[in-house]
Each structure stands twice: as C-alpha cells, then as structure tokens.
Amino acid sequence: MSFWTAAVVIVAIWAFVTIYSHRHDGTLGVTRDEDGNPVFPPRDESELQREVKELRERVKVLERIATDDREAKRLSSEIDRLRDE
C-alpha cells in the first residue's frame, strides 16, 4: 500500500466518523463547543426535582434495609451464641 493510498483511506475513515457523529449528535440534541466536546441541552428543573425526590426515596429504602438487616443479623448471632452455651 502506498503512502497516498493510506492517506486516502485515513481521510475516508475520518469523514465517515465525522458524518456519523454529527448524525448521532443531531438525534440526541447534542451540540459541540469550539474544542469539539459535547454540550448537552439543559434539563427541565421539574424533571431534576422529580429525580432528586426519587433518589431520596431510594436512599431511605436502602437505609431501612441496611439497618433492619443489621438487627436481624445481630439477633441471629445472639440466638446462635445462646444455643451453643
């Protein structure tokens, strides 16, 4: 493969990737800054508040599971200890 053939192949690959990324960005509504980094559109404030509320509920459930499980383990180990005596 000659140097010029390799250069043409590299330019063709670069063009394909550029076209694909522009189409993909267009479907997601993403723009690019002057450095080429993706800039996502701002999200709606109510959507963010809803997401925070859902995450807080999940944390509450996880905390309850963690503390309830710890109590159950403690109780189970205490029963096992008394059984061994």
PDB file of N, CA and C in Angstrom:
ATOM      1  N   MET A   1       0.862  -1.170   0.000  1.00  0.00           N
ATOM      2  CA  MET A   1       0.000   0.000   0.000  1.00  0.00           C
ATOM      3  C   MET A   1       0.907   1.231   0.000  1.00  0.00           C
ATOM      4  N   SER A   2       0.643   2.127  -0.892  1.00  0.00           N
ATOM      5  CA  SER A   2       1.472   3.322  -0.986  1.00  0.00           C
ATOM      6  C   SER A   2       1.036   4.353   0.053  1.00  0.00           C
ATOM      7  N   PHE A   3       1.854   5.357   0.218  1.00  0.00           N
ATOM      8  CA  PHE A   3       1.568   6.424   1.176  1.00  0.00           C
ATOM      9  C   PHE A   3       0.262   7.129   0.825  1.00  0.00           C
ATOM     10  N   TRP A   4       0.044   7.398  -0.446  1.00  0.00           N
ATOM     11  CA  TRP A   4      -1.153   8.135  -0.860  1.00  0.00           C
ATOM     12  C   TRP A   4      -2.409   7.310  -0.696  1.00  0.00           C
ATOM     13  N   THR A   5      -2.313   6.023  -0.893  1.00  0.00           N
ATOM     14  CA  THR A   5      -3.471   5.157  -0.661  1.00  0.00           C
ATOM     15  C   THR A   5      -3.838   5.149   0.811  1.00  0.00           C
ATOM     16  N   ALA A   6      -2.824   5.049   1.663  1.00  0.00           N
ATOM     17  CA  ALA A   6      -3.072   5.076   3.106  1.00  0.00           C
ATOM     18  C   ALA A   6      -3.671   6.409   3.525  1.00  0.00           C
ATOM     19  N   ALA A   7      -3.200   7.502   2.950  1.00  0.00           N
ATOM     20  CA  ALA A   7      -3.727   8.832   3.289  1.00  0.00           C
ATOM     21  C   ALA A   7      -5.192   8.943   2.888  1.00  0.00           C
ATOM     22  N   VAL A   8      -5.553   8.434   1.717  1.00  0.00           N
ATOM     23  CA  VAL A   8      -6.941   8.483   1.256  1.00  0.00           C
ATOM     24  C   VAL A   8      -7.825   7.638   2.159  1.00  0.00           C
ATOM     25  N   VAL A   9      -7.351   6.461   2.566  1.00  0.00           N
ATOM     26  CA  VAL A   9      -8.128   5.597   3.453  1.00  0.00           C
ATOM     27  C   VAL A   9      -8.340   6.278   4.800  1.00  0.00           C
ATOM     28  N   ILE A  10      -7.308   6.902   5.320  1.00  0.00           N
ATOM     29  CA  ILE A  10      -7.422   7.594   6.617  1.00  0.00           C
ATOM     30  C   ILE A  10      -8.423   8.748   6.513  1.00  0.00           C
ATOM     31  N   VAL A  11      -8.359   9.528   5.447  1.00  0.00           N
ATOM     32  CA  VAL A  11      -9.295  10.648   5.274  1.00  0.00           C
ATOM     33  C   VAL A  11     -10.721  10.131   5.121  1.00  0.00           C
ATOM     34  N   ALA A  12     -10.909   9.025   4.413  1.00  0.00           N
ATOM     35  CA  ALA A  12     -12.246   8.452   4.244  1.00  0.00           C
ATOM     36  C   ALA A  12     -12.805   7.980   5.580  1.00  0.00           C
ATOM     37  N   ILE A  13     -11.973   7.334   6.393  1.00  0.00           N
ATOM     38  CA  ILE A  13     -12.423   6.893   7.725  1.00  0.00           C
ATOM     39  C   ILE A  13     -12.775   8.093   8.585  1.00  0.00           C
ATOM     40  N   TRP A  14     -11.940   9.120   8.548  1.00  0.00           N
ATOM     41  CA  TRP A  14     -12.198  10.329   9.341  1.00  0.00           C
ATOM     42  C   TRP A  14     -13.521  10.980   8.918  1.00  0.00           C
ATOM     43  N   ALA A  15     -13.773  11.034   7.605  1.00  0.00           N
ATOM     44  CA  ALA A  15     -15.015  11.635   7.117  1.00  0.00           C
ATOM     45  C   ALA A  15     -16.222  10.814   7.556  1.00  0.00           C
ATOM     46  N   PHE A  16     -16.118   9.495   7.483  1.00  0.00           N
ATOM     47  CA  PHE A  16     -17.219   8.631   7.911  1.00  0.00           C
ATOM     48  C   PHE A  16     -17.535   8.842   9.387  1.00  0.00           C
ATOM     49  N   VAL A  17     -16.498   8.876  10.221  1.00  0.00           N
ATOM     50  CA  VAL A  17     -16.701   9.071  11.660  1.00  0.00           C
ATOM     51  C   VAL A  17     -17.310  10.437  11.943  1.00  0.00           C
ATOM     52  N   THR A  18     -16.873  11.457  11.237  1.00  0.00           N
ATOM     53  CA  THR A  18     -17.420  12.809  11.433  1.00  0.00           C
ATOM     54  C   THR A  18     -18.897  12.861  11.056  1.00  0.00           C
ATOM     55  N   ILE A  19     -19.242  12.291   9.923  1.00  0.00           N
ATOM     56  CA  ILE A  19     -20.646  12.282   9.491  1.00  0.00           C
ATOM     57  C   ILE A  19     -21.504  11.491  10.485  1.00  0.00           C
ATOM     58  N   TYR A  20     -21.013  10.339  10.904  1.00  0.00           N
ATOM     59  CA  TYR A  20     -21.768   9.523  11.859  1.00  0.00           C
ATOM     60  C   TYR A  20     -21.974  10.263  13.180  1.00  0.00           C
ATOM     61  N   SER A  21     -20.925  10.919  13.679  1.00  0.00           N
ATOM     62  CA  SER A  21     -21.063  11.612  14.964  1.00  0.00           C
ATOM     63  C   SER A  21     -22.019  12.798  14.853  1.00  0.00           C
ATOM     64  N   HIS A  22     -22.017  13.505  13.731  1.00  0.00           N
ATOM     65  CA  HIS A  22     -22.956  14.621  13.562  1.00  0.00           C
ATOM     66  C   HIS A  22     -24.397  14.131  13.521  1.00  0.00           C
ATOM     67  N   ARG A  23     -24.637  13.030  12.825  1.00  0.00           N
ATOM     68  CA  ARG A  23     -25.993  12.479  12.779  1.00  0.00           C
ATOM     69  C   ARG A  23     -26.435  11.988  14.154  1.00  0.00           C
ATOM     70  N   HIS A  24     -25.532  11.313  14.846  1.00  0.00           N
ATOM     71  CA  HIS A  24     -25.846  10.797  16.180  1.00  0.00           C
ATOM     72  C   HIS A  24     -26.109  11.946  17.155  1.00  0.00           C
ATOM     73  N   ASP A  25     -25.292  12.992  17.087  1.00  0.00           N
ATOM     74  CA  ASP A  25     -25.497  14.155  17.948  1.00  0.00           C
ATOM     75  C   ASP A  25     -26.818  14.834  17.638  1.00  0.00           C
ATOM     76  N   GLY A  26     -27.193  14.865  16.385  1.00  0.00           N
ATOM     77  CA  GLY A  26     -28.447  15.504  15.992  1.00  0.00           C
ATOM     78  C   GLY A  26     -29.656  14.791  16.566  1.00  0.00           C
ATOM     79  N   THR A  27     -29.608  13.462  16.632  1.00  0.00           N
ATOM     80  CA  THR A  27     -30.742  12.723  17.182  1.00  0.00           C
ATOM     81  C   THR A  27     -30.865  12.926  18.683  1.00  0.00           C
ATOM     82  N   LEU A  28     -29.732  13.171  19.365  1.00  0.00           N
ATOM     83  CA  LEU A  28     -29.757  13.370  20.813  1.00  0.00           C
ATOM     84  C   LEU A  28     -29.930  14.832  21.204  1.00  0.00           C
ATOM     85  N   GLY A  29     -29.827  15.738  20.246  1.00  0.00           N
ATOM     86  CA  GLY A  29     -29.940  17.159  20.547  1.00  0.00           C
ATOM     87  C   GLY A  29     -28.679  17.715  21.174  1.00  0.00           C
ATOM     88  N   VAL A  30     -27.543  17.085  20.889  1.00  0.00           N
ATOM     89  CA  VAL A  30     -26.266  17.500  21.465  1.00  0.00           C
ATOM     90  C   VAL A  30     -25.574  18.443  20.491  1.00  0.00           C
ATOM     91  N   THR A  31     -24.990  19.516  21.025  1.00  0.00           N
ATOM     92  CA  THR A  31     -24.159  20.400  20.216  1.00  0.00           C
ATOM     93  C   THR A  31     -22.713  20.249  20.668  1.00  0.00           C
ATOM     94  N   ARG A  32     -21.812  20.827  19.931  1.00  0.00           N
ATOM     95  CA  ARG A  32     -20.387  20.736  20.262  1.00  0.00           C
ATOM     96  C   ARG A  32     -19.828  22.135  20.471  1.00  0.00           C
ATOM     97  N   ASP A  33     -18.902  22.273  21.437  1.00  0.00           N
ATOM     98  CA  ASP A  33     -18.259  23.560  21.654  1.00  0.00           C
ATOM     99  C   ASP A  33     -17.074  23.706  20.698  1.00  0.00           C
ATOM    100  N   GLU A  34     -16.298  24.795  20.857  1.00  0.00           N
ATOM    101  CA  GLU A  34     -15.205  25.069  19.927  1.00  0.00           C
ATOM    102  C   GLU A  34     -14.087  24.029  19.996  1.00  0.00           C
ATOM    103  N   ASP A  35     -14.001  23.282  21.099  1.00  0.00           N
ATOM    104  CA  ASP A  35     -12.994  22.228  21.220  1.00  0.00           C
ATOM    105  C   ASP A  35     -13.502  20.879  20.741  1.00  0.00           C
ATOM    106  N   GLY A  36     -14.760  20.798  20.369  1.00  0.00           N
ATOM    107  CA  GLY A  36     -15.331  19.547  19.898  1.00  0.00           C
ATOM    108  C   GLY A  36     -15.956  18.703  20.993  1.00  0.00           C
ATOM    109  N   ASN A  37     -16.020  19.223  22.204  1.00  0.00           N
ATOM    110  CA  ASN A  37     -16.620  18.491  23.317  1.00  0.00           C
ATOM    111  C   ASN A  37     -18.141  18.587  23.259  1.00  0.00           C
ATOM    112  N   PRO A  38     -18.840  17.502  23.588  1.00  0.00           N
ATOM    113  CA  PRO A  38     -20.305  17.553  23.522  1.00  0.00           C
ATOM    114  C   PRO A  38     -20.888  18.442  24.617  1.00  0.00           C
ATOM    115  N   VAL A  39     -21.904  19.198  24.249  1.00  0.00           N
ATOM    116  CA  VAL A  39     -22.620  20.061  25.188  1.00  0.00           C
ATOM    117  C   VAL A  39     -24.073  19.625  25.141  1.00  0.00           C
ATOM    118  N   PHE A  40     -24.565  19.091  26.243  1.00  0.00           N
ATOM    119  CA  PHE A  40     -25.932  18.589  26.307  1.00  0.00           C
ATOM    120  C   PHE A  40     -26.888  19.721  26.641  1.00  0.00           C
ATOM    121  N   PRO A  41     -28.116  19.655  26.129  1.00  0.00           N
ATOM    122  CA  PRO A  41     -29.083  20.719  26.419  1.00  0.00           C
ATOM    123  C   PRO A  41     -29.458  20.698  27.902  1.00  0.00           C
ATOM    124  N   PRO A  42     -29.762  21.858  28.472  1.00  0.00           N
ATOM    125  CA  PRO A  42     -30.144  21.902  29.887  1.00  0.00           C
ATOM    126  C   PRO A  42     -31.441  21.135  30.125  1.00  0.00           C
ATOM    127  N   ARG A  43     -31.506  20.500  31.285  1.00  0.00           N
ATOM    128  CA  ARG A  43     -32.695  19.719  31.623  1.00  0.00           C
ATOM    129  C   ARG A  43     -33.696  20.603  32.348  1.00  0.00           C
ATOM    130  N   ASP A  44     -34.941  20.199  32.285  1.00  0.00           N
ATOM    131  CA  ASP A  44     -36.025  20.933  32.911  1.00  0.00           C
ATOM    132  C   ASP A  44     -35.889  20.842  34.434  1.00  0.00           C
ATOM    133  N   GLU A  45     -36.129  21.942  35.135  1.00  0.00           N
ATOM    134  CA  GLU A  45     -35.992  21.990  36.598  1.00  0.00           C
ATOM    135  C   GLU A  45     -36.940  21.023  37.293  1.00  0.00           C
ATOM    136  N   SER A  46     -38.159  20.893  36.784  1.00  0.00           N
ATOM    137  CA  SER A  46     -39.113  19.981  37.416  1.00  0.00           C
ATOM    138  C   SER A  46     -38.663  18.528  37.264  1.00  0.00           C
ATOM    139  N   GLU A  47     -38.034  18.216  36.133  1.00  0.00           N
ATOM    140  CA  GLU A  47     -37.515  16.865  35.925  1.00  0.00           C
ATOM    141  C   GLU A  47     -36.395  16.567  36.924  1.00  0.00           C
ATOM    142  N   LEU A  48     -35.531  17.550  37.151  1.00  0.00           N
ATOM    143  CA  LEU A  48     -34.450  17.359  38.116  1.00  0.00           C
ATOM    144  C   LEU A  48     -34.992  17.188  39.534  1.00  0.00           C
ATOM    145  N   GLN A  49     -35.998  17.972  39.899  1.00  0.00           N
ATOM    146  CA  GLN A  49     -36.600  17.853  41.220  1.00  0.00           C
ATOM    147  C   GLN A  49     -37.245  16.488  41.416  1.00  0.00           C
ATOM    148  N   ARG A  50     -37.911  15.986  40.388  1.00  0.00           N
ATOM    149  CA  ARG A  50     -38.526  14.667  40.455  1.00  0.00           C
ATOM    150  C   ARG A  50     -37.455  13.589  40.637  1.00  0.00           C
ATOM    151  N   GLU A  51     -36.361  13.725  39.897  1.00  0.00           N
ATOM    152  CA  GLU A  51     -35.288  12.735  40.011  1.00  0.00           C
ATOM    153  C   GLU A  51     -34.652  12.751  41.397  1.00  0.00           C
ATOM    154  N   VAL A  52     -34.458  13.929  41.971  1.00  0.00           N
ATOM    155  CA  VAL A  52     -33.906  14.037  43.318  1.00  0.00           C
ATOM    156  C   VAL A  52     -34.853  13.402  44.328  1.00  0.00           C
ATOM    157  N   LYS A  53     -36.152  13.639  44.169  1.00  0.00           N
ATOM    158  CA  LYS A  53     -37.140  13.050  45.072  1.00  0.00           C
ATOM    159  C   LYS A  53     -37.105  11.527  44.997  1.00  0.00           C
ATOM    160  N   GLU A  54     -37.033  10.965  43.781  1.00  0.00           N
ATOM    161  CA  GLU A  54     -36.955   9.512  43.622  1.00  0.00           C
ATOM    162  C   GLU A  54     -35.686   8.951  44.254  1.00  0.00           C
ATOM    163  N   LEU A  55     -34.579   9.647  44.067  1.00  0.00           N
ATOM    164  CA  LEU A  55     -33.313   9.173  44.643  1.00  0.00           C
ATOM    165  C   LEU A  55     -33.348   9.210  46.174  1.00  0.00           C
ATOM    166  N   ARG A  56     -33.986  10.237  46.737  1.00  0.00           N
ATOM    167  CA  ARG A  56     -34.103  10.297  48.193  1.00  0.00           C
ATOM    168  C   ARG A  56     -34.949   9.142  48.725  1.00  0.00           C
ATOM    169  N   GLU A  57     -36.011   8.808  48.009  1.00  0.00           N
ATOM    170  CA  GLU A  57     -36.836   7.667  48.416  1.00  0.00           C
ATOM    171  C   GLU A  57     -36.030   6.370  48.359  1.00  0.00           C
ATOM    172  N   ARG A  58     -35.226   6.221  47.327  1.00  0.00           N
ATOM    173  CA  ARG A  58     -34.391   5.019  47.218  1.00  0.00           C
ATOM    174  C   ARG A  58     -33.385   4.931  48.364  1.00  0.00           C
ATOM    175  N   VAL A  59     -32.809   6.070  48.721  1.00  0.00           N
ATOM    176  CA  VAL A  59     -31.848   6.088  49.828  1.00  0.00           C
ATOM    177  C   VAL A  59     -32.546   5.708  51.134  1.00  0.00           C
ATOM    178  N   LYS A  60     -33.748   6.202  51.348  1.00  0.00           N
ATOM    179  CA  LYS A  60     -34.499   5.840  52.557  1.00  0.00           C
ATOM    180  C   LYS A  60     -34.730   4.340  52.624  1.00  0.00           C
ATOM    181  N   VAL A  61     -35.122   3.755  51.497  1.00  0.00           N
ATOM    182  CA  VAL A  61     -35.364   2.310  51.470  1.00  0.00           C
ATOM    183  C   VAL A  61     -34.072   1.548  51.735  1.00  0.00           C
ATOM    184  N   LEU A  62     -32.985   1.977  51.116  1.00  0.00           N
ATOM    185  CA  LEU A  62     -31.707   1.299  51.332  1.00  0.00           C
ATOM    186  C   LEU A  62     -31.228   1.424  52.774  1.00  0.00           C
ATOM    187  N   GLU A  63     -31.435   2.591  53.381  1.00  0.00           N
ATOM    188  CA  GLU A  63     -31.063   2.757  54.787  1.00  0.00           C
ATOM    189  C   GLU A  63     -31.895   1.837  55.671  1.00  0.00           C
ATOM    190  N   ARG A  64     -33.184   1.734  55.373  1.00  0.00           N
ATOM    191  CA  ARG A  64     -34.048   0.857  56.165  1.00  0.00           C
ATOM    192  C   ARG A  64     -33.620  -0.600  56.008  1.00  0.00           C
ATOM    193  N   ILE A  65     -33.296  -1.005  54.791  1.00  0.00           N
ATOM    194  CA  ILE A  65     -32.845  -2.381  54.567  1.00  0.00           C
ATOM    195  C   ILE A  65     -31.538  -2.626  55.308  1.00  0.00           C
ATOM    196  N   ALA A  66     -30.629  -1.682  55.256  1.00  0.00           N
ATOM    197  CA  ALA A  66     -29.324  -1.861  55.902  1.00  0.00           C
ATOM    198  C   ALA A  66     -29.465  -1.956  57.416  1.00  0.00           C
ATOM    199  N   THR A  67     -30.309  -1.120  58.000  1.00  0.00           N
ATOM    200  CA  THR A  67     -30.448  -1.159  59.462  1.00  0.00           C
ATOM    201  C   THR A  67     -31.273  -2.353  59.906  1.00  0.00           C
ATOM    202  N   ASP A  68     -32.314  -2.699  59.150  1.00  0.00           N
ATOM    203  CA  ASP A  68     -33.124  -3.862  59.514  1.00  0.00           C
ATOM    204  C   ASP A  68     -32.308  -5.135  59.392  1.00  0.00           C
ATOM    205  N   ASP A  69     -31.500  -5.224  58.369  1.00  0.00           N
ATOM    206  CA  ASP A  69     -30.678  -6.408  58.155  1.00  0.00           C
ATOM    207  C   ASP A  69     -29.639  -6.549  59.273  1.00  0.00           C
ATOM    208  N   ARG A  70     -29.107  -5.429  59.726  1.00  0.00           N
ATOM    209  CA  ARG A  70     -28.116  -5.472  60.789  1.00  0.00           C
ATOM    210  C   ARG A  70     -28.746  -5.988  62.086  1.00  0.00           C
ATOM    211  N   GLU A  71     -29.947  -5.546  62.368  1.00  0.00           N
ATOM    212  CA  GLU A  71     -30.646  -6.016  63.562  1.00  0.00           C
ATOM    213  C   GLU A  71     -30.942  -7.508  63.469  1.00  0.00           C
ATOM    214  N   ALA A  72     -31.343  -7.959  62.296  1.00  0.00           N
ATOM    215  CA  ALA A  72     -31.642  -9.372  62.115  1.00  0.00           C
ATOM    216  C   ALA A  72     -30.385 -10.215  62.281  1.00  0.00           C
ATOM    217  N   LYS A  73     -29.281  -9.741  61.757  1.00  0.00           N
ATOM    218  CA  LYS A  73     -28.020 -10.476  61.900  1.00  0.00           C
ATOM    219  C   LYS A  73     -27.584 -10.523  63.363  1.00  0.00           C
ATOM    220  N   ARG A  74     -27.728  -9.389  64.056  1.00  0.00           N
ATOM    221  CA  ARG A  74     -27.344  -9.346  65.467  1.00  0.00           C
ATOM    222  C   ARG A  74     -28.186 -10.314  66.282  1.00  0.00           C
ATOM    223  N   LEU A  75     -29.492 -10.300  66.014  1.00  0.00           N
ATOM    224  CA  LEU A  75     -30.396 -11.190  66.724  1.00  0.00           C
ATOM    225  C   LEU A  75     -30.078 -12.652  66.414  1.00  0.00           C
ATOM    226  N   SER A  76     -29.800 -12.949  65.143  1.00  0.00           N
ATOM    227  CA  SER A  76     -29.460 -14.312  64.740  1.00  0.00           C
ATOM    228  C   SER A  76     -28.167 -14.780  65.403  1.00  0.00           C
ATOM    229  N   SER A  77     -27.174 -13.930  65.456  1.00  0.00           N
ATOM    230  CA  SER A  77     -25.911 -14.327  66.085  1.00  0.00           C
ATOM    231  C   SER A  77     -26.085 -14.498  67.595  1.00  0.00           C
ATOM    232  N   GLU A  78     -26.921 -13.683  68.197  1.00  0.00           N
ATOM    233  CA  GLU A  78     -27.172 -13.825  69.634  1.00  0.00           C
ATOM    234  C   GLU A  78     -27.899 -15.141  69.919  1.00  0.00           C
ATOM    235  N   ILE A  79     -28.856 -15.504  69.091  1.00  0.00           N
ATOM    236  CA  ILE A  79     -29.566 -16.783  69.261  1.00  0.00           C
ATOM    237  C   ILE A  79     -28.597 -17.948  69.093  1.00  0.00           C
ATOM    238  N   ASP A  80     -27.712 -17.879  68.075  1.00  0.00           N
ATOM    239  CA  ASP A  80     -26.717 -18.919  67.867  1.00  0.00           C
ATOM    240  C   ASP A  80     -25.779 -19.021  69.057  1.00  0.00           C
ATOM    241  N   ARG A  81     -25.380 -17.895  69.614  1.00  0.00           N
ATOM    242  CA  ARG A  81     -24.474 -17.896  70.770  1.00  0.00           C
ATOM    243  C   ARG A  81     -25.151 -18.547  71.979  1.00  0.00           C
ATOM    244  N   LEU A  82     -26.436 -18.200  72.196  1.00  0.00           N
ATOM    245  CA  LEU A  82     -27.157 -18.805  73.324  1.00  0.00           C
ATOM    246  C   LEU A  82     -27.395 -20.305  73.097  1.00  0.00           C
ATOM    247  N   ARG A  83     -27.575 -20.709  71.867  1.00  0.00           N
ATOM    248  CA  ARG A  83     -27.798 -22.111  71.552  1.00  0.00           C
ATOM    249  C   ARG A  83     -26.529 -22.919  71.837  1.00  0.00           C
ATOM    250  N   ASP A  84     -25.349 -22.332  71.576  1.00  0.00           N
ATOM    251  CA  ASP A  84     -24.081 -23.012  71.765  1.00  0.00           C
ATOM    252  C   ASP A  84     -23.726 -23.188  73.250  1.00  0.00           C
ATOM    253  N   GLU A  85     -24.288 -22.375  74.113  1.00  0.00           N
ATOM    254  CA  GLU A  85     -23.943 -22.457  75.536  1.00  0.00           C
ATOM    255  C   GLU A  85     -24.562 -23.610  76.228  1.00  0.00           C
TER     256      GLU A  85
END
